[in-house]
Amino acid sequence: MYKFLIYISHPYSISIGKPLQLEVQKRGYEVFWFSDLEYTKEYLSEEIPLLNSVNDVLNYKPNIILTATDVVPDFFPGIKVQIFHGFSANKRAFKKDHFRIRSLFDLYTTHGPSTTSIFKMLAKKYRTFEVIETGWSKVDPLFPIEPFTKKNKPVILISSTFTTRLSLAKNESVYNEIKRLTSTDKYLFHCVLHPMLDNDTKNKFKALENENFSFFDTTDLIPLFKKADIMFSDTTSAITEFLLQKKPVVTFRNNKPDKHLINITEIKDIEPAIETALNPPTILIDNIQEFINFTHPYFDGRSSERVIDATIDFFTSDKSYLKKKPLNLMRKWKIRKKLKYYTLKSFNKPQTAFTNK
């Protein structure tokens, strides 16, 4: 009997944890959730078993902590597993982005070759954690990919990051062009904005609602992905999730544009780019397929199964080859301050099925 803890911060991580919870329960193991942000608890439904306090977690004594956050309390029992709260979106410099090592995790479950290769290299450098490629739990419900059906009006999903310098939602000219396009009666727009965007911006887009524009206040994006023909976005990890369907994405001033995207930098190019995406050239679809194979080459909807297999195997295996993690005092202090729980206890080496009894 293994005891799992799903550790999250923001509501957008709920859809990452749900497939994992179902997989754990299917095997007959125990699973609870913990959020280090109080407001997130309001979004958790009744079927999600929640531990409300640090003491609850300590009394529960999890064996395996599945973490959809950048940090995890070092004093929590169990191995700390990074499952990630998104794909790498290339928002920041390499050392501050997806591949930043915070010396808190024992195991990284990676999404595909693009991340596995780099984390494997970092594992050799630090020798304090292991890396196993599994795919990502959040996209399990995306599969199998539904066949394309032609609609009277193509559906365009608008998605935007909360980072001001990258966000199309914060660009007044982009907003005005979207407003104009809704009046052409050529397209149906579905809009979902990052939950951390300010309410003024959200309300502004919500005010556009008409027969051609619908605003969705949700963190469950997969139903919207399935309905949309293409996406219009900026620089966000949701782009990669959408691309797994082999549907084109138009990006506005993407931070790191590549051949699998239709990237534009001028307002006048938005509508022509949308038309190109709706009638994509073969080379674009080929480039998208190449990107998918490198980023997340799992199309069976069984990534959660692989994550649970990997974590149990790691928990029960010999880990004596791993070094102790560095003291990391400043980061540990910040975690304790955030949780308002101060203790000297820390686990600098991953626990095992034998040490965690």
Protein backbone atom coordinates (compact mmCIF):
# COMPACT_ATOMS: atom_id res chain seq x y z
CA MET A 1 0.00 0.00 0.00
CA TYR A 2 1.50 3.30 -1.15
CA LYS A 3 0.41 6.72 0.05
CA PHE A 4 0.44 9.53 -2.53
CA LEU A 5 0.19 13.30 -2.10
CA ILE A 6 -0.64 15.60 -5.03
CA TYR A 7 0.93 18.99 -4.26
CA ILE A 8 -0.29 22.09 -6.12
CA SER A 9 -0.41 25.86 -5.79
CA HIS A 10 -2.70 27.47 -8.39
CA PRO A 11 -6.05 26.19 -9.76
CA TYR A 12 -4.60 25.55 -13.22
CA SER A 13 -2.76 22.56 -11.75
CA ILE A 14 -5.98 20.76 -10.83
CA SER A 15 -6.28 19.31 -14.34
CA ILE A 16 -2.73 17.95 -13.97
CA GLY A 17 -3.53 16.15 -10.73
CA LYS A 18 -6.91 14.65 -11.62
CA PRO A 19 -5.65 11.98 -14.06
CA LEU A 20 -2.99 11.03 -11.49
CA GLN A 21 -5.59 10.74 -8.73
CA LEU A 22 -7.72 8.45 -10.91
CA GLU A 23 -4.72 6.26 -11.72
CA VAL A 24 -3.70 5.95 -8.06
CA GLN A 25 -7.25 5.13 -6.98
CA LYS A 26 -7.60 2.59 -9.80
CA ARG A 27 -4.69 0.69 -8.24
CA GLY A 28 -6.24 0.80 -4.78
CA TYR A 29 -3.62 3.11 -3.21
CA GLU A 30 -4.26 6.11 -0.95
CA VAL A 31 -4.14 9.63 -2.37
CA PHE A 32 -4.71 13.11 -0.93
CA TRP A 33 -4.17 16.64 -2.22
CA PHE A 34 -2.49 19.65 -0.63
CA SER A 35 -2.46 23.25 -1.87
CA ASP A 36 -0.07 25.83 -0.45
CA LEU A 37 -2.46 28.62 -1.55
CA GLU A 38 -5.78 28.97 0.26
CA TYR A 39 -7.76 30.41 -2.64
CA THR A 40 -7.09 27.31 -4.76
CA LYS A 41 -9.05 25.16 -2.31
CA GLU A 42 -12.24 26.89 -3.44
CA TYR A 43 -11.78 25.29 -6.88
CA LEU A 44 -11.41 21.73 -5.60
CA SER A 45 -14.50 19.59 -6.06
CA GLU A 46 -15.89 17.17 -3.48
CA GLU A 47 -14.32 14.14 -5.14
CA ILE A 48 -10.84 15.55 -4.46
CA PRO A 49 -9.65 14.42 -0.99
CA LEU A 50 -7.89 17.39 0.58
CA LEU A 51 -5.49 17.77 3.48
CA ASN A 52 -6.02 21.27 4.88
CA SER A 53 -2.88 21.84 6.94
CA VAL A 54 0.82 21.06 7.16
CA ASN A 55 0.13 18.95 10.26
CA ASP A 56 -2.40 16.92 8.27
CA VAL A 57 0.32 16.11 5.73
CA LEU A 58 2.88 15.24 8.39
CA ASN A 59 0.39 12.92 10.10
CA TYR A 60 -0.55 11.31 6.79
CA LYS A 61 3.15 10.54 6.05
CA PRO A 62 3.01 10.25 2.25
CA ASN A 63 5.45 7.95 0.49
CA ILE A 64 5.34 9.82 -2.82
CA ILE A 65 4.65 13.52 -3.42
CA LEU A 66 3.62 14.39 -6.99
CA THR A 67 4.41 18.07 -7.36
CA ALA A 68 2.94 20.47 -9.94
CA THR A 69 4.82 23.45 -8.49
CA ASP A 70 8.35 24.83 -8.69
CA VAL A 71 9.09 24.07 -5.04
CA VAL A 72 8.06 21.51 -2.42
CA PRO A 73 8.59 21.47 1.37
CA ASP A 74 11.82 19.61 2.10
CA PHE A 75 10.47 18.56 5.51
CA PHE A 76 7.46 16.67 4.10
CA PRO A 77 7.92 12.87 4.27
CA GLY A 78 8.25 10.91 1.06
CA ILE A 79 10.10 11.24 -2.23
CA LYS A 80 9.53 14.54 -4.03
CA VAL A 81 8.58 14.06 -7.68
CA GLN A 82 8.46 16.93 -10.17
CA ILE A 83 5.64 16.43 -12.65
CA PHE A 84 5.62 20.11 -13.82
CA HIS A 85 2.80 22.62 -14.14
CA GLY A 86 3.35 23.18 -17.85
CA PHE A 87 5.48 22.58 -20.90
CA SER A 88 8.54 24.75 -21.36
CA ALA A 89 7.24 28.01 -22.85
CA ASN A 90 10.63 29.73 -23.31
CA LYS A 91 9.49 32.81 -21.41
CA ARG A 92 12.77 33.34 -19.59
CA ALA A 93 16.47 32.69 -19.89
CA PHE A 94 17.46 29.01 -19.89
CA LYS A 95 18.77 28.95 -16.28
CA LYS A 96 15.62 30.61 -14.91
CA ASP A 97 13.04 28.70 -16.89
CA HIS A 98 11.88 25.09 -17.11
CA PHE A 99 15.30 23.61 -16.37
CA ARG A 100 16.12 25.46 -13.18
CA ILE A 101 17.37 23.05 -10.51
CA ARG A 102 16.16 24.09 -7.06
CA SER A 103 17.68 21.09 -5.23
CA LEU A 104 14.35 20.00 -3.72
CA PHE A 105 13.28 17.12 -5.96
CA ASP A 106 14.35 13.49 -5.96
CA LEU A 107 12.82 12.51 -9.29
CA TYR A 108 11.89 14.42 -12.46
CA THR A 109 9.26 12.79 -14.69
CA THR A 110 9.82 14.39 -18.07
CA HIS A 111 7.47 14.89 -21.01
CA GLY A 112 9.63 13.87 -23.95
CA PRO A 113 13.12 13.89 -25.51
CA SER A 114 13.36 17.70 -25.60
CA THR A 115 13.29 17.88 -21.80
CA THR A 116 14.61 14.42 -20.92
CA SER A 117 17.97 15.00 -22.61
CA ILE A 118 18.61 18.23 -20.71
CA PHE A 119 17.46 16.93 -17.32
CA LYS A 120 19.58 13.80 -17.81
CA MET A 121 22.58 16.05 -18.39
CA LEU A 122 21.75 18.03 -15.24
CA ALA A 123 21.29 14.80 -13.26
CA LYS A 124 24.86 13.79 -14.15
CA LYS A 125 26.07 17.21 -13.06
CA TYR A 126 24.27 17.40 -9.69
CA ARG A 127 23.93 13.67 -8.87
CA THR A 128 21.13 14.42 -6.38
CA PHE A 129 18.11 13.31 -8.43
CA GLU A 130 16.96 10.84 -11.09
CA VAL A 131 15.14 11.44 -14.37
CA ILE A 132 12.53 9.18 -16.00
CA GLU A 133 10.59 10.04 -19.17
CA THR A 134 6.84 9.40 -18.78
CA GLY A 135 4.81 11.97 -20.71
CA TRP A 136 2.51 14.46 -18.97
CA SER A 137 -0.63 13.55 -17.04
CA LYS A 138 -2.56 16.69 -17.98
CA VAL A 139 -2.88 15.74 -21.64
CA ASP A 140 -4.12 12.18 -21.05
CA PRO A 141 -7.78 13.23 -21.59
CA LEU A 142 -6.79 14.74 -24.96
CA PHE A 143 -6.34 11.25 -26.39
CA PRO A 144 -7.42 9.65 -28.59
CA ILE A 145 -7.44 12.66 -30.91
CA GLU A 146 -10.91 13.21 -32.32
CA PRO A 147 -11.27 13.30 -36.14
CA PHE A 148 -11.66 16.72 -37.74
CA THR A 149 -15.18 17.79 -38.64
CA LYS A 150 -15.78 20.80 -40.87
CA LYS A 151 -17.91 23.55 -39.31
CA ASN A 152 -20.01 26.36 -40.76
CA LYS A 153 -17.65 28.80 -39.09
CA PRO A 154 -14.11 27.85 -38.03
CA VAL A 155 -13.49 28.02 -34.29
CA ILE A 156 -10.45 30.01 -33.15
CA LEU A 157 -9.29 29.58 -29.57
CA ILE A 158 -7.66 32.68 -28.11
CA SER A 159 -5.20 31.98 -25.30
CA SER A 160 -2.83 34.36 -23.53
CA THR A 161 -0.11 34.31 -20.91
CA PHE A 162 -0.16 36.55 -17.83
CA THR A 163 3.40 37.85 -18.40
CA THR A 164 2.75 41.48 -19.39
CA ARG A 165 5.61 41.89 -21.89
CA LEU A 166 4.46 38.76 -23.76
CA SER A 167 0.68 38.85 -23.32
CA LEU A 168 -1.47 39.58 -26.38
CA ALA A 169 -4.37 40.21 -24.00
CA LYS A 170 -2.50 43.26 -22.65
CA ASN A 171 -1.96 44.69 -26.15
CA GLU A 172 -4.64 47.25 -27.01
CA SER A 173 -4.08 46.97 -30.76
CA VAL A 174 -4.50 43.18 -30.69
CA TYR A 175 -7.69 43.60 -28.66
CA ASN A 176 -9.11 46.05 -31.20
CA GLU A 177 -8.28 43.71 -34.09
CA ILE A 178 -10.01 40.79 -32.35
CA LYS A 179 -13.01 43.05 -31.77
CA ARG A 180 -13.06 43.91 -35.48
CA LEU A 181 -12.79 40.27 -36.53
CA THR A 182 -15.79 39.31 -34.39
CA SER A 183 -17.90 41.70 -36.49
CA THR A 184 -16.92 40.08 -39.81
CA ASP A 185 -19.11 37.04 -39.05
CA LYS A 186 -16.42 34.79 -40.56
CA TYR A 187 -15.16 33.11 -37.39
CA LEU A 188 -16.26 31.87 -33.99
CA PHE A 189 -13.87 32.93 -31.23
CA HIS A 190 -13.51 31.06 -27.96
CA CYS A 191 -11.36 32.94 -25.47
CA VAL A 192 -9.67 31.66 -22.31
CA LEU A 193 -7.13 33.79 -20.47
CA HIS A 194 -4.53 32.79 -17.93
CA PRO A 195 -6.18 32.76 -14.46
CA MET A 196 -3.42 34.99 -13.08
CA LEU A 197 -4.25 37.83 -15.50
CA ASP A 198 -5.80 40.86 -13.83
CA ASN A 199 -9.59 41.12 -13.63
CA ASP A 200 -9.72 44.33 -15.68
CA THR A 201 -8.20 42.51 -18.66
CA LYS A 202 -10.50 39.52 -18.22
CA ASN A 203 -13.58 41.73 -17.95
CA LYS A 204 -12.55 43.64 -21.08
CA PHE A 205 -12.51 40.44 -23.13
CA LYS A 206 -15.65 39.15 -21.48
CA ALA A 207 -17.40 42.32 -22.64
CA LEU A 208 -16.77 41.24 -26.24
CA GLU A 209 -19.24 38.35 -25.90
CA ASN A 210 -21.67 38.09 -28.81
CA GLU A 211 -22.80 35.42 -31.28
CA ASN A 212 -19.22 35.18 -32.59
CA PHE A 213 -17.26 35.48 -29.34
CA SER A 214 -17.48 33.41 -26.15
CA PHE A 215 -15.40 33.93 -23.03
CA PHE A 216 -14.59 30.94 -20.80
CA ASP A 217 -13.46 31.34 -17.21
CA THR A 218 -11.97 27.89 -16.72
CA THR A 219 -8.70 26.05 -16.16
CA ASP A 220 -9.97 22.89 -17.90
CA LEU A 221 -8.69 23.65 -21.39
CA ILE A 222 -8.93 20.28 -23.11
CA PRO A 223 -12.66 20.53 -24.02
CA LEU A 224 -11.85 23.90 -25.62
CA PHE A 225 -8.84 22.42 -27.45
CA LYS A 226 -11.04 19.72 -28.95
CA LYS A 227 -13.65 22.19 -30.25
CA ALA A 228 -11.16 24.60 -31.82
CA ASP A 229 -9.77 24.42 -35.35
CA ILE A 230 -6.76 26.64 -34.63
CA MET A 231 -5.31 28.67 -31.77
CA PHE A 232 -4.28 32.33 -31.61
CA SER A 233 -1.82 32.91 -28.79
CA ASP A 234 1.47 34.51 -27.68
CA THR A 235 4.04 32.70 -25.49
CA THR A 236 2.40 30.15 -23.22
CA SER A 237 2.74 26.43 -22.54
CA ALA A 238 -0.89 25.96 -23.66
CA ILE A 239 0.43 26.25 -27.22
CA THR A 240 2.26 22.94 -26.92
CA GLU A 241 -0.79 21.25 -25.40
CA PHE A 242 -2.89 22.42 -28.35
CA LEU A 243 -0.29 21.39 -30.95
CA LEU A 244 -0.47 17.77 -29.78
CA GLN A 245 -3.67 17.57 -31.85
CA LYS A 246 -1.67 18.54 -34.98
CA LYS A 247 -3.74 21.71 -35.25
CA PRO A 248 -1.96 24.95 -36.28
CA VAL A 249 -1.21 27.82 -33.92
CA VAL A 250 -0.82 31.49 -34.84
CA THR A 251 1.39 33.34 -32.35
CA PHE A 252 1.78 37.07 -31.88
CA ARG A 253 5.38 38.04 -31.11
CA ASN A 254 6.28 34.67 -29.64
CA ASN A 255 9.40 34.79 -27.47
CA LYS A 256 11.04 31.94 -29.38
CA PRO A 257 9.24 31.35 -32.68
CA ASP A 258 10.06 28.25 -34.67
CA LYS A 259 8.95 26.49 -37.84
CA HIS A 260 6.05 24.67 -36.14
CA LEU A 261 4.31 28.01 -35.46
CA ILE A 262 2.86 30.74 -37.65
CA ASN A 263 4.41 33.68 -35.86
CA ILE A 264 3.56 37.28 -36.69
CA THR A 265 4.68 40.62 -35.31
CA GLU A 266 2.26 43.10 -36.90
CA ILE A 267 -1.46 43.65 -36.32
CA LYS A 268 -2.19 43.72 -40.07
CA ASP A 269 -0.95 40.14 -40.36
CA ILE A 270 -3.36 38.60 -37.84
CA GLU A 271 -6.21 37.83 -40.25
CA PRO A 272 -3.96 36.56 -43.10
CA ALA A 273 -2.16 34.31 -40.61
CA ILE A 274 -5.50 32.94 -39.40
CA GLU A 275 -6.45 32.12 -42.99
CA THR A 276 -3.12 30.35 -43.51
CA ALA A 277 -3.66 28.32 -40.34
CA LEU A 278 -7.14 27.30 -41.46
CA ASN A 279 -5.66 26.04 -44.74
CA PRO A 280 -2.22 24.91 -43.59
CA PRO A 281 0.51 23.95 -46.04
CA THR A 282 1.80 20.40 -45.79
CA ILE A 283 5.20 21.58 -44.59
CA LEU A 284 3.62 23.24 -41.54
CA ILE A 285 1.83 20.03 -40.52
CA ASP A 286 5.09 18.11 -41.01
CA ASN A 287 6.91 20.62 -38.79
CA ILE A 288 4.21 20.30 -36.12
CA GLN A 289 4.57 16.51 -36.19
CA GLU A 290 8.35 16.79 -35.81
CA PHE A 291 7.89 19.14 -32.85
CA ILE A 292 5.42 16.77 -31.19
CA ASN A 293 7.73 13.78 -31.59
CA PHE A 294 10.51 15.71 -29.86
CA THR A 295 8.34 17.26 -27.15
CA HIS A 296 5.68 14.70 -26.17
CA PRO A 297 5.74 11.51 -28.29
CA TYR A 298 2.96 9.81 -26.31
CA PHE A 299 -0.47 9.54 -27.92
CA ASP A 300 -1.98 6.73 -25.84
CA GLY A 301 -3.40 8.78 -22.94
CA ARG A 302 -1.41 6.64 -20.47
CA SER A 303 1.18 9.12 -19.19
CA SER A 304 -0.37 9.06 -15.70
CA GLU A 305 0.11 5.31 -15.65
CA ARG A 306 3.77 5.73 -16.56
CA VAL A 307 4.23 8.41 -13.88
CA ILE A 308 2.84 6.14 -11.15
CA ASP A 309 4.91 3.19 -12.36
CA ALA A 310 8.06 5.33 -12.39
CA THR A 311 7.51 6.78 -8.94
CA ILE A 312 6.82 3.42 -7.31
CA ASP A 313 9.86 1.88 -9.00
CA PHE A 314 12.02 4.77 -7.81
CA PHE A 315 10.59 4.70 -4.28
CA THR A 316 11.31 0.99 -3.89
CA SER A 317 14.74 1.03 -5.54
CA ASP A 318 18.21 1.51 -4.10
CA LYS A 319 19.10 5.21 -4.21
CA SER A 320 22.38 5.12 -2.33
CA TYR A 321 24.16 6.32 -5.47
CA LEU A 322 22.52 9.75 -5.10
CA LYS A 323 24.35 12.47 -3.20
CA LYS A 324 22.82 14.56 -0.44
CA LYS A 325 21.21 17.77 -1.62
CA PRO A 326 22.90 21.07 -0.69
CA LEU A 327 21.74 22.90 2.45
CA ASN A 328 19.71 25.33 0.38
CA LEU A 329 18.96 27.42 3.47
CA MET A 330 17.39 30.46 1.80
CA ARG A 331 14.93 28.40 -0.26
CA LYS A 332 14.04 26.25 2.75
CA TRP A 333 13.41 29.38 4.81
CA LYS A 334 11.09 30.79 2.14
CA ILE A 335 9.09 27.55 2.08
CA ARG A 336 8.69 27.60 5.85
CA LYS A 337 7.67 31.26 5.80
CA LYS A 338 5.09 30.64 3.09
CA LEU A 339 3.54 27.74 5.00
CA LYS A 340 3.97 29.43 8.39
CA TYR A 341 5.55 26.24 9.69
CA TYR A 342 9.04 26.39 11.15
CA THR A 343 11.02 23.22 11.70
CA LEU A 344 14.65 22.13 11.57
CA LYS A 345 13.71 18.79 10.03
CA SER A 346 14.75 18.25 6.42
CA PHE A 347 15.21 15.30 4.07
CA ASN A 348 18.38 15.84 2.05
CA LYS A 349 18.34 12.35 0.54
CA PRO A 350 15.35 10.61 -1.05
CA GLN A 351 13.52 8.25 1.25
CA THR A 352 12.84 4.62 0.36
CA ALA A 353 10.24 1.99 1.06
CA PHE A 354 12.48 0.90 3.92
CA THR A 355 13.28 4.25 5.55
CA ASN A 356 9.76 5.66 5.35
CA LYS A 357 7.95 3.07 7.49
